[in-house]
């Protein structure tokens, strides 16, 4: 009497293959999502975001502005908000800086009395135009591309400011001449 019962070895082999397959899928899912991210709805990272009416930023002053990251999801909560420093030089001439220090990414603060941006982490200092003044940062502040559309100041947001993204030093907007 022979029965076709699976052997202990084949049963453990099948369970091992299923567990390894589940682990491989769990590891591959974020990698695939990362690779397919740029072709998502709304162009992935390429999004113009409004900072509000351009007239709310007085000439010759630097103000903190916040915006919602265009790639946020409902469970991001408060972390879906991002900040930037807006400097209105004159008329329609703006500079929009990321709040991140170019050294290690700590948030910089604006001190209007001295007209300097200062990083509390390692003492990085930047002039009002975003260029490096002192400290360990190797370069000036990162700038967002911007434009004025229907009276609103818009920035090209959604990317972390790095040397390889559009939020980098001295890259203005072709539409606005900055």
N, C-alpha and C. Protein backbone atom coordinates (compact mmCIF):
# COMPACT_ATOMS: atom_id res chain seq x y z
N UNK A 1 0.82 -1.17 0.00
CA UNK A 1 0.00 0.00 0.00
C UNK A 1 0.87 1.25 0.00
N UNK A 2 0.93 1.93 -1.11
CA UNK A 2 1.75 3.14 -1.17
C UNK A 2 0.86 4.36 -1.29
N UNK A 3 1.13 5.32 -0.47
CA UNK A 3 0.36 6.56 -0.50
C UNK A 3 1.25 7.66 -1.07
N UNK A 4 0.62 8.62 -1.68
CA UNK A 4 1.37 9.75 -2.24
C UNK A 4 1.41 10.91 -1.25
N UNK A 5 1.89 10.65 -0.10
CA UNK A 5 2.03 11.70 0.91
C UNK A 5 3.34 12.42 0.67
N UNK A 6 3.32 13.74 0.82
CA UNK A 6 4.59 14.46 0.65
C UNK A 6 5.54 14.11 1.79
N UNK A 7 6.78 14.04 1.45
CA UNK A 7 7.78 13.73 2.48
C UNK A 7 8.01 14.98 3.33
N UNK A 8 8.61 14.77 4.46
CA UNK A 8 8.91 15.88 5.36
C UNK A 8 9.85 16.86 4.67
N UNK A 9 10.80 16.34 3.92
CA UNK A 9 11.77 17.17 3.22
C UNK A 9 11.08 18.06 2.18
N UNK A 10 10.18 17.54 1.40
CA UNK A 10 9.50 18.35 0.37
C UNK A 10 8.57 19.37 1.01
N UNK A 11 7.94 19.02 2.13
CA UNK A 11 7.07 19.96 2.82
C UNK A 11 7.88 21.15 3.35
N UNK A 12 9.02 20.88 4.02
CA UNK A 12 9.87 21.96 4.53
C UNK A 12 10.46 22.78 3.39
N UNK A 13 10.77 22.15 2.28
CA UNK A 13 11.30 22.88 1.12
C UNK A 13 10.23 23.84 0.57
N UNK A 14 9.01 23.40 0.49
CA UNK A 14 7.92 24.24 0.01
C UNK A 14 7.70 25.42 0.95
N UNK A 15 7.67 25.17 2.26
CA UNK A 15 7.50 26.25 3.23
C UNK A 15 8.67 27.24 3.14
N UNK A 16 9.88 26.75 3.00
CA UNK A 16 11.04 27.61 2.86
C UNK A 16 10.97 28.48 1.63
N UNK A 17 10.52 27.93 0.51
CA UNK A 17 10.38 28.70 -0.73
C UNK A 17 9.31 29.79 -0.57
N UNK A 18 8.21 29.46 0.09
CA UNK A 18 7.15 30.46 0.29
C UNK A 18 7.63 31.60 1.19
N UNK A 19 8.33 31.28 2.26
CA UNK A 19 8.85 32.32 3.16
C UNK A 19 9.87 33.18 2.43
N UNK A 20 10.78 32.58 1.70
CA UNK A 20 11.78 33.34 0.94
C UNK A 20 11.12 34.20 -0.12
N UNK A 21 10.08 33.70 -0.76
CA UNK A 21 9.35 34.48 -1.76
C UNK A 21 8.68 35.70 -1.12
N UNK A 22 8.10 35.52 0.07
CA UNK A 22 7.46 36.65 0.77
C UNK A 22 8.49 37.71 1.16
N UNK A 23 9.64 37.27 1.63
CA UNK A 23 10.70 38.21 2.00
C UNK A 23 11.20 38.96 0.76
N UNK A 24 11.39 38.25 -0.33
CA UNK A 24 11.84 38.89 -1.57
C UNK A 24 10.82 39.92 -2.05
N UNK A 25 9.53 39.60 -1.96
CA UNK A 25 8.49 40.55 -2.36
C UNK A 25 8.49 41.78 -1.46
N UNK A 26 8.68 41.57 -0.16
CA UNK A 26 8.71 42.70 0.78
C UNK A 26 9.90 43.62 0.51
N UNK A 27 11.00 43.05 0.10
CA UNK A 27 12.18 43.87 -0.21
C UNK A 27 12.03 44.55 -1.57
N UNK A 28 11.44 43.88 -2.53
CA UNK A 28 11.33 44.41 -3.88
C UNK A 28 10.26 45.49 -4.01
N UNK A 29 9.21 45.46 -3.19
CA UNK A 29 8.11 46.42 -3.33
C UNK A 29 8.57 47.87 -3.23
N UNK A 30 9.34 48.27 -2.20
CA UNK A 30 9.77 49.67 -2.15
C UNK A 30 10.72 50.04 -3.29
N UNK A 31 11.54 49.11 -3.72
CA UNK A 31 12.46 49.39 -4.82
C UNK A 31 11.69 49.66 -6.10
N UNK A 32 10.69 48.84 -6.37
CA UNK A 32 9.86 49.02 -7.57
C UNK A 32 9.09 50.34 -7.47
N UNK A 33 8.54 50.65 -6.29
CA UNK A 33 7.81 51.91 -6.10
C UNK A 33 8.74 53.10 -6.34
N UNK A 34 9.97 53.02 -5.88
CA UNK A 34 10.94 54.10 -6.09
C UNK A 34 11.23 54.28 -7.58
N UNK A 35 11.43 53.17 -8.28
CA UNK A 35 11.75 53.25 -9.71
C UNK A 35 10.57 53.76 -10.53
N UNK A 36 9.37 53.44 -10.12
CA UNK A 36 8.18 53.87 -10.86
C UNK A 36 7.65 55.22 -10.38
N UNK A 37 8.23 55.78 -9.32
CA UNK A 37 7.77 57.04 -8.75
C UNK A 37 7.64 58.18 -9.74
N UNK A 38 8.63 58.41 -10.60
CA UNK A 38 8.54 59.55 -11.51
C UNK A 38 7.41 59.48 -12.53
N UNK A 39 6.82 58.33 -12.76
CA UNK A 39 5.74 58.25 -13.74
C UNK A 39 4.36 58.20 -13.08
N UNK A 40 4.34 58.51 -11.77
CA UNK A 40 3.07 58.54 -11.06
C UNK A 40 2.21 59.70 -11.54
N UNK A 41 0.97 59.71 -11.03
CA UNK A 41 0.04 60.79 -11.31
C UNK A 41 0.67 62.13 -10.91
N UNK A 42 0.35 63.18 -11.61
CA UNK A 42 0.89 64.53 -11.39
C UNK A 42 2.38 64.62 -11.68
N UNK A 43 2.92 63.73 -12.46
CA UNK A 43 4.31 63.82 -12.86
C UNK A 43 5.31 63.46 -11.79
N UNK A 44 4.88 62.83 -10.75
CA UNK A 44 5.82 62.43 -9.71
C UNK A 44 6.35 63.62 -8.96
N UNK A 45 7.65 63.86 -9.06
CA UNK A 45 8.27 64.93 -8.29
C UNK A 45 8.13 66.30 -8.94
N UNK A 46 7.77 66.36 -10.19
CA UNK A 46 7.70 67.63 -10.90
C UNK A 46 6.37 68.32 -10.63
N UNK A 47 6.36 69.28 -9.72
CA UNK A 47 5.12 69.96 -9.38
C UNK A 47 5.40 71.40 -8.98
N UNK A 48 4.63 72.31 -9.53
CA UNK A 48 4.69 73.71 -9.13
C UNK A 48 3.69 73.90 -8.01
N UNK A 49 4.13 74.52 -6.91
CA UNK A 49 3.30 74.71 -5.73
C UNK A 49 3.22 76.20 -5.43
N UNK A 50 2.03 76.67 -5.08
CA UNK A 50 1.85 78.08 -4.76
C UNK A 50 2.24 78.37 -3.32
N UNK A 51 2.96 79.47 -3.14
CA UNK A 51 3.29 79.96 -1.80
C UNK A 51 2.33 81.07 -1.39
N UNK A 52 1.39 81.40 -2.26
CA UNK A 52 0.42 82.46 -1.98
C UNK A 52 0.67 83.68 -2.84
N UNK A 53 -0.08 84.70 -2.56
CA UNK A 53 0.02 85.96 -3.30
C UNK A 53 1.42 86.54 -3.17
N UNK A 54 2.00 86.94 -4.29
CA UNK A 54 3.36 87.48 -4.29
C UNK A 54 3.44 88.78 -3.49
N UNK A 55 2.32 89.51 -3.38
CA UNK A 55 2.32 90.78 -2.66
C UNK A 55 2.41 90.61 -1.14
N UNK A 56 2.24 89.38 -0.63
CA UNK A 56 2.35 89.17 0.82
C UNK A 56 3.81 89.18 1.29
N UNK A 57 4.74 89.19 0.33
CA UNK A 57 6.16 89.24 0.66
C UNK A 57 6.67 90.64 0.39
N UNK A 58 6.90 91.44 1.45
CA UNK A 58 7.32 92.83 1.26
C UNK A 58 8.71 92.95 0.63
N UNK A 59 8.86 93.99 -0.15
CA UNK A 59 10.12 94.23 -0.83
C UNK A 59 11.24 94.48 0.18
N UNK A 60 12.40 93.85 -0.07
CA UNK A 60 13.56 94.02 0.79
C UNK A 60 13.51 93.19 2.06
N UNK A 61 12.55 92.29 2.19
CA UNK A 61 12.44 91.47 3.40
C UNK A 61 12.50 89.99 3.06
N UNK A 62 12.84 89.20 4.08
CA UNK A 62 12.88 87.74 3.96
C UNK A 62 11.86 87.17 4.92
N UNK A 63 10.98 86.31 4.41
CA UNK A 63 9.92 85.73 5.23
C UNK A 63 9.89 84.21 5.08
N UNK A 64 9.45 83.55 6.14
CA UNK A 64 9.27 82.11 6.11
C UNK A 64 7.91 81.80 5.49
N UNK A 65 7.88 80.88 4.55
CA UNK A 65 6.63 80.44 3.93
C UNK A 65 6.54 78.92 4.03
N UNK A 66 5.33 78.41 4.14
CA UNK A 66 5.14 76.97 4.20
C UNK A 66 4.28 76.53 3.03
N UNK A 67 4.47 75.30 2.63
CA UNK A 67 3.67 74.71 1.55
C UNK A 67 3.51 73.23 1.83
N UNK A 68 2.53 72.64 1.18
CA UNK A 68 2.31 71.21 1.32
C UNK A 68 3.11 70.49 0.26
N UNK A 69 3.91 69.54 0.68
CA UNK A 69 4.71 68.75 -0.25
C UNK A 69 3.76 68.08 -1.26
N UNK A 70 4.01 68.25 -2.55
CA UNK A 70 3.10 67.68 -3.54
C UNK A 70 3.07 66.16 -3.56
N UNK A 71 4.01 65.51 -2.91
CA UNK A 71 4.05 64.06 -2.89
C UNK A 71 3.59 63.47 -1.57
N UNK A 72 2.87 64.27 -0.76
CA UNK A 72 2.46 63.74 0.53
C UNK A 72 1.27 62.79 0.37
N UNK A 73 1.11 61.96 1.37
CA UNK A 73 -0.01 61.02 1.44
C UNK A 73 -0.76 61.31 2.73
N UNK A 74 -2.00 60.88 2.85
CA UNK A 74 -2.80 61.26 4.02
C UNK A 74 -2.15 60.97 5.37
N UNK A 75 -1.39 59.91 5.49
CA UNK A 75 -0.81 59.57 6.78
C UNK A 75 0.47 60.36 7.09
N UNK A 76 0.89 61.28 6.21
CA UNK A 76 2.05 62.12 6.50
C UNK A 76 1.78 63.10 7.64
N UNK A 77 0.53 63.53 7.76
CA UNK A 77 0.18 64.47 8.83
C UNK A 77 0.95 65.76 8.70
N UNK A 78 1.48 66.24 9.83
CA UNK A 78 2.21 67.52 9.85
C UNK A 78 3.51 67.45 9.07
N UNK A 79 4.06 66.25 8.88
CA UNK A 79 5.32 66.15 8.14
C UNK A 79 5.13 66.37 6.64
N UNK A 80 3.89 66.44 6.18
CA UNK A 80 3.62 66.74 4.78
C UNK A 80 3.83 68.21 4.45
N UNK A 81 3.99 69.03 5.48
CA UNK A 81 4.26 70.45 5.28
C UNK A 81 5.76 70.68 5.17
N UNK A 82 6.14 71.60 4.33
CA UNK A 82 7.55 71.97 4.17
C UNK A 82 7.65 73.49 4.26
N UNK A 83 8.84 73.97 4.53
CA UNK A 83 9.05 75.41 4.67
C UNK A 83 10.14 75.88 3.73
N UNK A 84 10.13 77.17 3.46
CA UNK A 84 11.18 77.79 2.65
C UNK A 84 11.27 79.26 3.06
N UNK A 85 12.40 79.85 2.76
CA UNK A 85 12.60 81.28 3.02
C UNK A 85 12.43 82.03 1.71
N UNK A 86 11.57 83.05 1.70
CA UNK A 86 11.30 83.85 0.50
C UNK A 86 11.89 85.23 0.71
N UNK A 87 12.76 85.62 -0.18
CA UNK A 87 13.38 86.95 -0.14
C UNK A 87 12.94 87.71 -1.37
N UNK A 88 12.26 88.82 -1.16
CA UNK A 88 11.85 89.67 -2.28
C UNK A 88 12.87 90.78 -2.40
N UNK A 89 13.64 90.70 -3.48
CA UNK A 89 14.69 91.72 -3.68
C UNK A 89 14.07 93.05 -4.06
N UNK A 90 13.32 93.07 -5.14
CA UNK A 90 12.60 94.27 -5.58
C UNK A 90 11.61 93.88 -6.66
N UNK A 91 10.52 94.60 -6.76
CA UNK A 91 9.51 94.32 -7.78
C UNK A 91 9.11 92.87 -7.84
N UNK A 92 9.41 92.23 -8.98
CA UNK A 92 9.08 90.81 -9.15
C UNK A 92 10.30 89.92 -9.06
N UNK A 93 11.34 90.42 -8.44
CA UNK A 93 12.57 89.66 -8.29
C UNK A 93 12.60 89.00 -6.91
N UNK A 94 12.57 87.66 -6.92
CA UNK A 94 12.53 86.88 -5.69
C UNK A 94 13.70 85.90 -5.64
N UNK A 95 14.00 85.46 -4.43
CA UNK A 95 14.85 84.30 -4.20
C UNK A 95 14.10 83.43 -3.21
N UNK A 96 14.04 82.13 -3.47
CA UNK A 96 13.35 81.20 -2.57
C UNK A 96 14.37 80.14 -2.17
N UNK A 97 14.68 80.12 -0.86
CA UNK A 97 15.70 79.22 -0.33
C UNK A 97 15.06 78.07 0.42
N UNK A 98 15.67 76.89 0.32
CA UNK A 98 15.29 75.77 1.17
C UNK A 98 15.74 76.09 2.57
N UNK A 99 15.04 75.59 3.58
CA UNK A 99 15.41 75.87 4.96
C UNK A 99 16.59 75.03 5.41
N UNK A 100 17.04 74.11 4.58
CA UNK A 100 18.10 73.17 4.97
C UNK A 100 19.49 73.77 4.78
N UNK A 101 20.32 73.63 5.80
CA UNK A 101 21.71 74.03 5.71
C UNK A 101 22.42 73.12 4.69
N UNK A 102 23.34 73.68 3.94
CA UNK A 102 24.06 72.89 2.94
C UNK A 102 25.10 71.98 3.56
N UNK A 103 25.32 72.06 4.86
CA UNK A 103 26.29 71.21 5.53
C UNK A 103 25.68 69.85 5.84
N UNK A 104 24.73 69.80 6.79
CA UNK A 104 24.11 68.53 7.16
C UNK A 104 22.58 68.58 7.14
N UNK A 105 22.00 69.64 6.62
CA UNK A 105 20.55 69.70 6.45
C UNK A 105 19.76 70.23 7.62
N UNK A 106 20.40 70.76 8.63
CA UNK A 106 19.66 71.34 9.76
C UNK A 106 18.89 72.57 9.26
N UNK A 107 17.78 72.90 9.92
CA UNK A 107 17.01 74.08 9.47
C UNK A 107 17.70 75.38 9.86
N UNK A 108 17.89 76.26 8.90
CA UNK A 108 18.51 77.56 9.18
C UNK A 108 17.44 78.55 9.60
N UNK A 109 17.86 79.56 10.36
CA UNK A 109 16.96 80.63 10.79
C UNK A 109 17.45 81.94 10.22
N UNK A 110 16.50 82.83 9.97
CA UNK A 110 16.80 84.16 9.44
C UNK A 110 16.83 85.14 10.61
N UNK A 111 17.89 85.95 10.66
CA UNK A 111 18.02 86.98 11.67
C UNK A 111 18.01 88.33 10.96
N UNK A 112 16.87 89.04 10.98
CA UNK A 112 16.76 90.29 10.23
C UNK A 112 17.70 91.39 10.74
N UNK A 113 18.04 91.36 12.05
CA UNK A 113 18.91 92.41 12.59
C UNK A 113 20.28 92.38 11.92
N UNK A 114 20.82 91.19 11.71
CA UNK A 114 22.14 91.06 11.09
C UNK A 114 22.05 90.71 9.62
N UNK A 115 20.84 90.46 9.14
CA UNK A 115 20.59 90.04 7.76
C UNK A 115 21.43 88.82 7.39
N UNK A 116 21.36 87.83 8.27
CA UNK A 116 22.08 86.58 8.06
C UNK A 116 21.18 85.39 8.33
N UNK A 117 21.41 84.30 7.60
CA UNK A 117 20.82 83.01 7.92
C UNK A 117 21.85 82.28 8.77
N UNK A 118 21.39 81.66 9.87
CA UNK A 118 22.33 80.94 10.73
C UNK A 118 21.81 79.55 11.03
N UNK A 119 22.72 78.60 11.04
CA UNK A 119 22.40 77.22 11.33
C UNK A 119 22.77 76.93 12.79
N UNK A 120 21.82 76.43 13.59
CA UNK A 120 22.11 76.19 15.00
C UNK A 120 22.96 74.94 15.26
N UNK A 121 23.07 74.06 14.30
CA UNK A 121 23.75 72.79 14.55
C UNK A 121 25.27 72.92 14.61
N UNK A 122 25.86 73.51 13.59
CA UNK A 122 27.32 73.56 13.53
C UNK A 122 27.85 74.96 13.21
N UNK A 123 27.00 75.97 13.34
CA UNK A 123 27.47 77.34 13.18
C UNK A 123 27.61 77.82 11.75
N UNK A 124 26.91 77.23 10.81
CA UNK A 124 26.95 77.72 9.44
C UNK A 124 26.24 79.06 9.33
N UNK A 125 26.82 79.97 8.56
CA UNK A 125 26.25 81.31 8.39
C UNK A 125 26.18 81.62 6.91
N UNK A 126 25.06 82.25 6.49
CA UNK A 126 24.84 82.60 5.09
C UNK A 126 24.41 84.05 5.01
N UNK A 127 24.83 84.73 3.95
CA UNK A 127 24.39 86.10 3.70
C UNK A 127 22.94 86.11 3.23
N UNK A 128 22.36 87.29 3.14
CA UNK A 128 20.96 87.43 2.74
C UNK A 128 20.69 86.87 1.35
N UNK A 129 21.69 86.87 0.47
CA UNK A 129 21.49 86.33 -0.88
C UNK A 129 21.69 84.81 -0.94
N UNK A 130 21.90 84.18 0.22
CA UNK A 130 22.05 82.73 0.28
C UNK A 130 23.46 82.23 0.13
N UNK A 131 24.41 83.11 -0.15
CA UNK A 131 25.80 82.66 -0.31
C UNK A 131 26.42 82.39 1.05
N UNK A 132 27.42 81.52 1.06
CA UNK A 132 28.08 81.10 2.29
C UNK A 132 28.88 82.25 2.88
N UNK A 133 28.71 82.46 4.19
CA UNK A 133 29.46 83.50 4.88
C UNK A 133 30.55 82.90 5.77
N UNK A 134 30.21 81.87 6.55
CA UNK A 134 31.18 81.28 7.48
C UNK A 134 30.70 79.90 7.91
N UNK A 135 31.62 79.18 8.57
CA UNK A 135 31.26 77.89 9.13
C UNK A 135 31.57 76.73 8.19
N UNK A 136 31.10 75.55 8.55
CA UNK A 136 31.44 74.35 7.79
C UNK A 136 30.70 74.13 6.47
N UNK A 137 29.58 74.82 6.18
CA UNK A 137 28.92 74.51 4.91
C UNK A 137 29.85 74.76 3.72
N UNK A 138 29.89 73.82 2.77
CA UNK A 138 30.78 73.96 1.63
C UNK A 138 30.27 74.90 0.55
N UNK A 139 29.03 75.32 0.65
CA UNK A 139 28.41 76.13 -0.41
C UNK A 139 27.27 76.94 0.18
N UNK A 140 26.60 77.71 -0.66
CA UNK A 140 25.47 78.52 -0.23
C UNK A 140 24.20 77.69 -0.06
N UNK A 141 23.13 78.38 0.32
CA UNK A 141 21.84 77.71 0.49
C UNK A 141 21.28 77.23 -0.84
N UNK A 142 20.50 76.19 -0.78
CA UNK A 142 19.83 75.69 -1.98
C UNK A 142 18.66 76.60 -2.32
N UNK A 143 18.45 76.81 -3.62
CA UNK A 143 17.36 77.66 -4.08
C UNK A 143 16.36 76.85 -4.89
N UNK A 144 15.09 77.19 -4.70
CA UNK A 144 14.03 76.58 -5.52
C UNK A 144 13.81 77.43 -6.77
N UNK A 145 13.54 76.76 -7.89
CA UNK A 145 13.10 77.50 -9.07
C UNK A 145 11.74 78.10 -8.74
N UNK A 146 11.47 79.27 -9.27
CA UNK A 146 10.22 79.93 -8.95
C UNK A 146 9.72 80.73 -10.15
N UNK A 147 8.45 81.09 -10.09
CA UNK A 147 7.84 81.93 -11.11
C UNK A 147 6.62 82.60 -10.50
N UNK A 148 6.15 83.63 -11.14
CA UNK A 148 4.92 84.29 -10.71
C UNK A 148 3.86 83.97 -11.76
N UNK A 149 2.76 83.41 -11.28
CA UNK A 149 1.68 83.00 -12.17
C UNK A 149 0.36 83.49 -11.59
N UNK A 150 -0.33 84.34 -12.33
CA UNK A 150 -1.61 84.93 -11.88
C UNK A 150 -1.48 85.61 -10.52
N UNK A 151 -0.36 86.27 -10.29
CA UNK A 151 -0.13 86.98 -9.04
C UNK A 151 0.36 86.12 -7.89
N UNK A 152 0.43 84.81 -8.09
CA UNK A 152 0.92 83.91 -7.04
C UNK A 152 2.39 83.58 -7.27
N UNK A 153 3.12 83.48 -6.17
CA UNK A 153 4.51 83.04 -6.24
C UNK A 153 4.50 81.51 -6.21
N UNK A 154 5.03 80.89 -7.25
CA UNK A 154 5.04 79.44 -7.37
C UNK A 154 6.48 78.95 -7.29
N UNK A 155 6.68 77.79 -6.62
CA UNK A 155 7.99 77.17 -6.60
C UNK A 155 7.89 75.76 -7.16
N UNK A 156 8.99 75.31 -7.70
CA UNK A 156 9.10 73.95 -8.23
C UNK A 156 9.50 73.07 -7.07
N UNK A 157 8.52 72.40 -6.47
CA UNK A 157 8.74 71.69 -5.21
C UNK A 157 8.62 70.18 -5.39
N UNK A 158 8.83 69.49 -4.30
CA UNK A 158 8.65 68.05 -4.28
C UNK A 158 9.94 67.27 -4.21
N UNK A 159 11.07 67.95 -4.36
CA UNK A 159 12.36 67.27 -4.30
C UNK A 159 13.13 67.75 -3.10
N UNK A 160 13.94 66.86 -2.57
CA UNK A 160 14.86 67.27 -1.50
C UNK A 160 15.94 68.13 -2.14
N UNK A 161 16.32 69.22 -1.49
CA UNK A 161 17.37 70.06 -2.07
C UNK A 161 18.73 69.36 -1.99
N UNK A 162 19.24 69.00 -3.13
CA UNK A 162 20.58 68.40 -3.23
C UNK A 162 21.25 68.97 -4.47
N UNK A 163 22.49 68.62 -4.68
CA UNK A 163 23.21 69.12 -5.86
C UNK A 163 22.64 68.57 -7.16
N UNK A 164 21.93 67.43 -7.11
CA UNK A 164 21.45 66.80 -8.33
C UNK A 164 19.98 67.09 -8.63
N UNK A 165 19.29 67.90 -7.81
CA UNK A 165 17.88 68.19 -8.07
C UNK A 165 17.71 69.62 -8.53
N UNK A 166 16.48 69.97 -8.87
CA UNK A 166 16.20 71.32 -9.34
C UNK A 166 16.27 72.33 -8.21
N UNK A 167 16.19 71.89 -6.95
CA UNK A 167 16.30 72.80 -5.82
C UNK A 167 17.76 72.95 -5.45
N UNK A 168 18.52 73.60 -6.32
CA UNK A 168 19.94 73.74 -6.05
C UNK A 168 20.36 75.20 -6.21
N UNK A 169 21.60 75.47 -5.96
CA UNK A 169 22.10 76.84 -5.89
C UNK A 169 22.03 77.54 -7.24
N UNK A 170 21.51 78.75 -7.21
CA UNK A 170 21.50 79.68 -8.34
C UNK A 170 20.80 79.17 -9.60
N UNK A 171 19.76 78.39 -9.43
CA UNK A 171 18.98 77.99 -10.59
C UNK A 171 17.64 78.71 -10.51
N UNK A 172 17.52 79.75 -11.26
CA UNK A 172 16.29 80.52 -11.27
C UNK A 172 15.27 79.91 -12.20
N UNK A 173 14.36 80.70 -12.63
CA UNK A 173 13.27 80.23 -13.47
C UNK A 173 13.37 80.93 -14.82
N UNK A 174 13.30 80.17 -15.89
CA UNK A 174 13.40 80.75 -17.22
C UNK A 174 12.20 81.63 -17.55
N UNK A 175 11.03 81.32 -16.97
CA UNK A 175 9.83 82.10 -17.26
C UNK A 175 9.88 83.48 -16.60
N UNK A 176 10.55 83.56 -15.44
CA UNK A 176 10.52 84.83 -14.69
C UNK A 176 11.86 85.56 -14.75
N UNK A 177 12.87 84.97 -15.35
CA UNK A 177 14.15 85.65 -15.51
C UNK A 177 15.01 85.67 -14.26
N UNK A 178 14.63 84.90 -13.26
CA UNK A 178 15.42 84.93 -12.02
C UNK A 178 16.66 84.08 -12.14
